[in-house]
Amino acid sequence: MVAWPNSLIREIAERRVVIFVGAGISKAAHPALPTWPDLLRRLAALLSKAKDKTIVERLVRKDHMLDAAQIILDGSPKS
């Protein structure tokens, strides 16, 4: 168990703290969830155009996740 500093407990009690939970918490909560690169690669595999799949792979390797996600979104069927 982690011992929280009294000053932090006081700040929380006085509502002067914003608790932010990042994406890492879901990975720790359920290790079977894919990482962002894995998720984008899985979604890219569903695209119909081979060129889009190749572009997504390049973008993921360069750590341009948002650009890769945009290619996937643009290449996905619209409902």
N, C-alpha and C. Protein backbone atom coordinates (compact mmCIF):
# COMPACT_ATOMS: atom_id res chain seq x y z
N MET A 1 0.84 -1.18 0.00
CA MET A 1 0.00 0.00 0.00
C MET A 1 0.89 1.25 0.00
N VAL A 2 0.48 2.25 -0.75
CA VAL A 2 1.23 3.49 -0.87
C VAL A 2 0.77 4.46 0.22
N ALA A 3 1.75 5.07 0.90
CA ALA A 3 1.42 6.09 1.90
C ALA A 3 1.37 7.45 1.19
N TRP A 4 0.22 8.08 1.20
CA TRP A 4 0.05 9.37 0.55
C TRP A 4 0.48 10.48 1.51
N PRO A 5 1.16 11.47 1.02
CA PRO A 5 1.57 12.59 1.88
C PRO A 5 0.34 13.33 2.42
N ASN A 6 0.43 13.76 3.66
CA ASN A 6 -0.69 14.49 4.28
C ASN A 6 -1.06 15.74 3.48
N SER A 7 -0.07 16.41 2.92
CA SER A 7 -0.36 17.63 2.16
C SER A 7 -1.23 17.32 0.93
N LEU A 8 -0.99 16.18 0.29
CA LEU A 8 -1.80 15.78 -0.87
C LEU A 8 -3.21 15.42 -0.43
N ILE A 9 -3.33 14.71 0.66
CA ILE A 9 -4.65 14.34 1.19
C ILE A 9 -5.45 15.61 1.50
N ARG A 10 -4.78 16.60 2.09
CA ARG A 10 -5.45 17.87 2.42
C ARG A 10 -5.92 18.58 1.14
N GLU A 11 -5.07 18.62 0.13
CA GLU A 11 -5.43 19.28 -1.14
C GLU A 11 -6.62 18.58 -1.79
N ILE A 12 -6.64 17.26 -1.74
CA ILE A 12 -7.78 16.51 -2.30
C ILE A 12 -9.05 16.82 -1.51
N ALA A 13 -8.94 16.79 -0.19
CA ALA A 13 -10.11 17.05 0.67
C ALA A 13 -10.67 18.44 0.44
N GLU A 14 -9.79 19.40 0.13
CA GLU A 14 -10.23 20.77 -0.10
C GLU A 14 -10.55 21.05 -1.57
N ARG A 15 -10.62 19.99 -2.34
CA ARG A 15 -11.00 20.04 -3.76
C ARG A 15 -10.12 20.98 -4.59
N ARG A 16 -8.83 20.91 -4.35
CA ARG A 16 -7.88 21.70 -5.12
C ARG A 16 -7.00 20.81 -5.98
N VAL A 17 -7.46 19.62 -6.26
CA VAL A 17 -6.69 18.66 -7.03
C VAL A 17 -7.57 18.08 -8.13
N VAL A 18 -7.00 17.93 -9.29
CA VAL A 18 -7.67 17.23 -10.38
C VAL A 18 -6.92 15.92 -10.58
N ILE A 19 -7.62 14.83 -10.44
CA ILE A 19 -7.00 13.52 -10.63
C ILE A 19 -7.15 13.14 -12.10
N PHE A 20 -6.03 12.87 -12.73
CA PHE A 20 -6.02 12.50 -14.14
C PHE A 20 -5.58 11.06 -14.26
N VAL A 21 -6.38 10.29 -14.97
CA VAL A 21 -6.06 8.89 -15.22
C VAL A 21 -5.76 8.75 -16.70
N GLY A 22 -4.55 8.36 -17.02
CA GLY A 22 -4.15 8.21 -18.41
C GLY A 22 -4.45 6.83 -18.95
N ALA A 23 -4.10 6.64 -20.21
CA ALA A 23 -4.39 5.39 -20.90
C ALA A 23 -3.64 4.20 -20.30
N GLY A 24 -2.54 4.46 -19.64
CA GLY A 24 -1.76 3.38 -19.06
C GLY A 24 -2.50 2.57 -18.01
N ILE A 25 -3.50 3.17 -17.38
CA ILE A 25 -4.23 2.45 -16.35
C ILE A 25 -5.02 1.28 -16.93
N SER A 26 -5.54 1.44 -18.13
CA SER A 26 -6.30 0.34 -18.74
C SER A 26 -5.37 -0.83 -19.08
N LYS A 27 -4.16 -0.54 -19.49
CA LYS A 27 -3.20 -1.60 -19.81
C LYS A 27 -2.85 -2.39 -18.56
N ALA A 28 -2.68 -1.68 -17.45
CA ALA A 28 -2.37 -2.36 -16.19
C ALA A 28 -3.58 -3.15 -15.68
N ALA A 29 -4.77 -2.64 -15.94
CA ALA A 29 -5.99 -3.29 -15.46
C ALA A 29 -6.30 -4.57 -16.23
N HIS A 30 -5.95 -4.60 -17.50
CA HIS A 30 -6.27 -5.76 -18.33
C HIS A 30 -5.16 -5.95 -19.36
N PRO A 31 -4.15 -6.77 -19.02
CA PRO A 31 -2.98 -6.92 -19.89
C PRO A 31 -3.29 -7.45 -21.30
N ALA A 32 -4.47 -8.00 -21.52
CA ALA A 32 -4.79 -8.54 -22.85
C ALA A 32 -5.17 -7.44 -23.84
N LEU A 33 -5.37 -6.23 -23.37
CA LEU A 33 -5.72 -5.13 -24.28
C LEU A 33 -4.52 -4.82 -25.16
N PRO A 34 -4.78 -4.52 -26.43
CA PRO A 34 -3.65 -4.23 -27.33
C PRO A 34 -3.04 -2.86 -27.05
N THR A 35 -1.79 -2.71 -27.39
CA THR A 35 -1.15 -1.40 -27.33
C THR A 35 -1.70 -0.59 -28.50
N TRP A 36 -1.42 0.73 -28.52
CA TRP A 36 -1.88 1.55 -29.64
C TRP A 36 -1.33 1.04 -30.97
N PRO A 37 -0.03 0.75 -31.06
CA PRO A 37 0.46 0.23 -32.35
C PRO A 37 -0.24 -1.07 -32.77
N ASP A 38 -0.45 -1.98 -31.81
CA ASP A 38 -1.13 -3.24 -32.13
C ASP A 38 -2.56 -3.00 -32.58
N LEU A 39 -3.27 -2.11 -31.89
CA LEU A 39 -4.65 -1.81 -32.27
C LEU A 39 -4.72 -1.23 -33.68
N LEU A 40 -3.85 -0.28 -33.97
CA LEU A 40 -3.86 0.33 -35.30
C LEU A 40 -3.53 -0.69 -36.38
N ARG A 41 -2.60 -1.58 -36.10
CA ARG A 41 -2.26 -2.63 -37.08
C ARG A 41 -3.44 -3.58 -37.31
N ARG A 42 -4.14 -3.93 -36.23
CA ARG A 42 -5.31 -4.81 -36.36
C ARG A 42 -6.41 -4.13 -37.19
N LEU A 43 -6.64 -2.86 -36.92
CA LEU A 43 -7.66 -2.14 -37.67
C LEU A 43 -7.24 -1.95 -39.12
N ALA A 44 -5.96 -1.70 -39.36
CA ALA A 44 -5.46 -1.53 -40.73
C ALA A 44 -5.65 -2.80 -41.54
N ALA A 45 -5.55 -3.94 -40.89
CA ALA A 45 -5.72 -5.22 -41.59
C ALA A 45 -7.13 -5.35 -42.17
N LEU A 46 -8.08 -4.59 -41.64
CA LEU A 46 -9.47 -4.65 -42.11
C LEU A 46 -9.72 -3.71 -43.30
N LEU A 47 -8.75 -2.87 -43.62
CA LEU A 47 -8.91 -1.93 -44.73
C LEU A 47 -8.91 -2.67 -46.06
N SER A 48 -9.63 -2.13 -47.03
CA SER A 48 -9.73 -2.81 -48.33
C SER A 48 -8.55 -2.49 -49.25
N LYS A 49 -7.93 -1.33 -49.07
CA LYS A 49 -6.84 -0.93 -49.97
C LYS A 49 -5.48 -1.30 -49.37
N ALA A 50 -4.70 -2.07 -50.12
CA ALA A 50 -3.37 -2.47 -49.68
C ALA A 50 -2.47 -1.25 -49.44
N LYS A 51 -2.66 -0.22 -50.28
CA LYS A 51 -1.85 0.99 -50.14
C LYS A 51 -2.08 1.64 -48.77
N ASP A 52 -3.34 1.70 -48.33
CA ASP A 52 -3.65 2.27 -47.02
C ASP A 52 -3.01 1.45 -45.90
N LYS A 53 -3.04 0.13 -46.03
CA LYS A 53 -2.41 -0.74 -45.02
C LYS A 53 -0.92 -0.44 -44.92
N THR A 54 -0.28 -0.26 -46.06
CA THR A 54 1.16 0.03 -46.09
C THR A 54 1.45 1.38 -45.45
N ILE A 55 0.63 2.37 -45.75
CA ILE A 55 0.81 3.70 -45.18
C ILE A 55 0.66 3.66 -43.67
N VAL A 56 -0.36 2.97 -43.19
CA VAL A 56 -0.58 2.86 -41.75
C VAL A 56 0.63 2.21 -41.08
N GLU A 57 1.14 1.15 -41.67
CA GLU A 57 2.30 0.47 -41.08
C GLU A 57 3.50 1.42 -40.99
N ARG A 58 3.74 2.18 -42.05
CA ARG A 58 4.86 3.14 -42.04
C ARG A 58 4.66 4.19 -40.94
N LEU A 59 3.45 4.70 -40.85
CA LEU A 59 3.17 5.72 -39.84
C LEU A 59 3.32 5.18 -38.42
N VAL A 60 2.87 3.97 -38.20
CA VAL A 60 3.00 3.36 -36.87
C VAL A 60 4.48 3.18 -36.53
N ARG A 61 5.27 2.71 -37.48
CA ARG A 61 6.71 2.54 -37.24
C ARG A 61 7.40 3.86 -36.91
N LYS A 62 6.89 4.96 -37.46
CA LYS A 62 7.46 6.29 -37.19
C LYS A 62 6.83 6.94 -35.96
N ASP A 63 5.95 6.21 -35.27
CA ASP A 63 5.28 6.68 -34.07
C ASP A 63 4.32 7.85 -34.35
N HIS A 64 3.72 7.84 -35.53
CA HIS A 64 2.71 8.85 -35.91
C HIS A 64 1.32 8.21 -35.80
N MET A 65 0.93 7.92 -34.57
CA MET A 65 -0.30 7.17 -34.31
C MET A 65 -1.57 7.91 -34.77
N LEU A 66 -1.64 9.21 -34.54
CA LEU A 66 -2.84 9.94 -34.94
C LEU A 66 -3.00 9.97 -36.46
N ASP A 67 -1.90 10.12 -37.17
CA ASP A 67 -1.98 10.10 -38.64
C ASP A 67 -2.42 8.72 -39.12
N ALA A 68 -1.90 7.67 -38.50
CA ALA A 68 -2.29 6.31 -38.86
C ALA A 68 -3.78 6.10 -38.59
N ALA A 69 -4.25 6.59 -37.45
CA ALA A 69 -5.67 6.46 -37.11
C ALA A 69 -6.55 7.20 -38.12
N GLN A 70 -6.08 8.34 -38.60
CA GLN A 70 -6.85 9.11 -39.59
C GLN A 70 -6.96 8.34 -40.90
N ILE A 71 -5.88 7.70 -41.32
CA ILE A 71 -5.91 6.87 -42.55
C ILE A 71 -6.92 5.75 -42.39
N ILE A 72 -6.93 5.14 -41.21
CA ILE A 72 -7.88 4.04 -40.94
C ILE A 72 -9.31 4.57 -40.98
N LEU A 73 -9.53 5.71 -40.34
CA LEU A 73 -10.88 6.29 -40.32
C LEU A 73 -11.34 6.64 -41.75
N ASP A 74 -10.46 7.28 -42.49
CA ASP A 74 -10.81 7.68 -43.86
C ASP A 74 -11.07 6.47 -44.76
N GLY A 75 -10.39 5.36 -44.51
CA GLY A 75 -10.55 4.17 -45.33
C GLY A 75 -11.61 3.20 -44.86
N SER A 76 -12.27 3.54 -43.77
CA SER A 76 -13.31 2.66 -43.22
C SER A 76 -14.66 2.96 -43.87
N PRO A 77 -15.50 1.95 -44.00
CA PRO A 77 -16.83 2.18 -44.57
C PRO A 77 -17.64 3.13 -43.69
N LYS A 78 -18.37 4.01 -44.32
CA LYS A 78 -19.22 4.96 -43.60
C LYS A 78 -20.61 4.35 -43.45
N SER A 79 -21.18 4.51 -42.27
CA SER A 79 -22.53 3.94 -42.08
C SER A 79 -23.59 5.00 -42.12
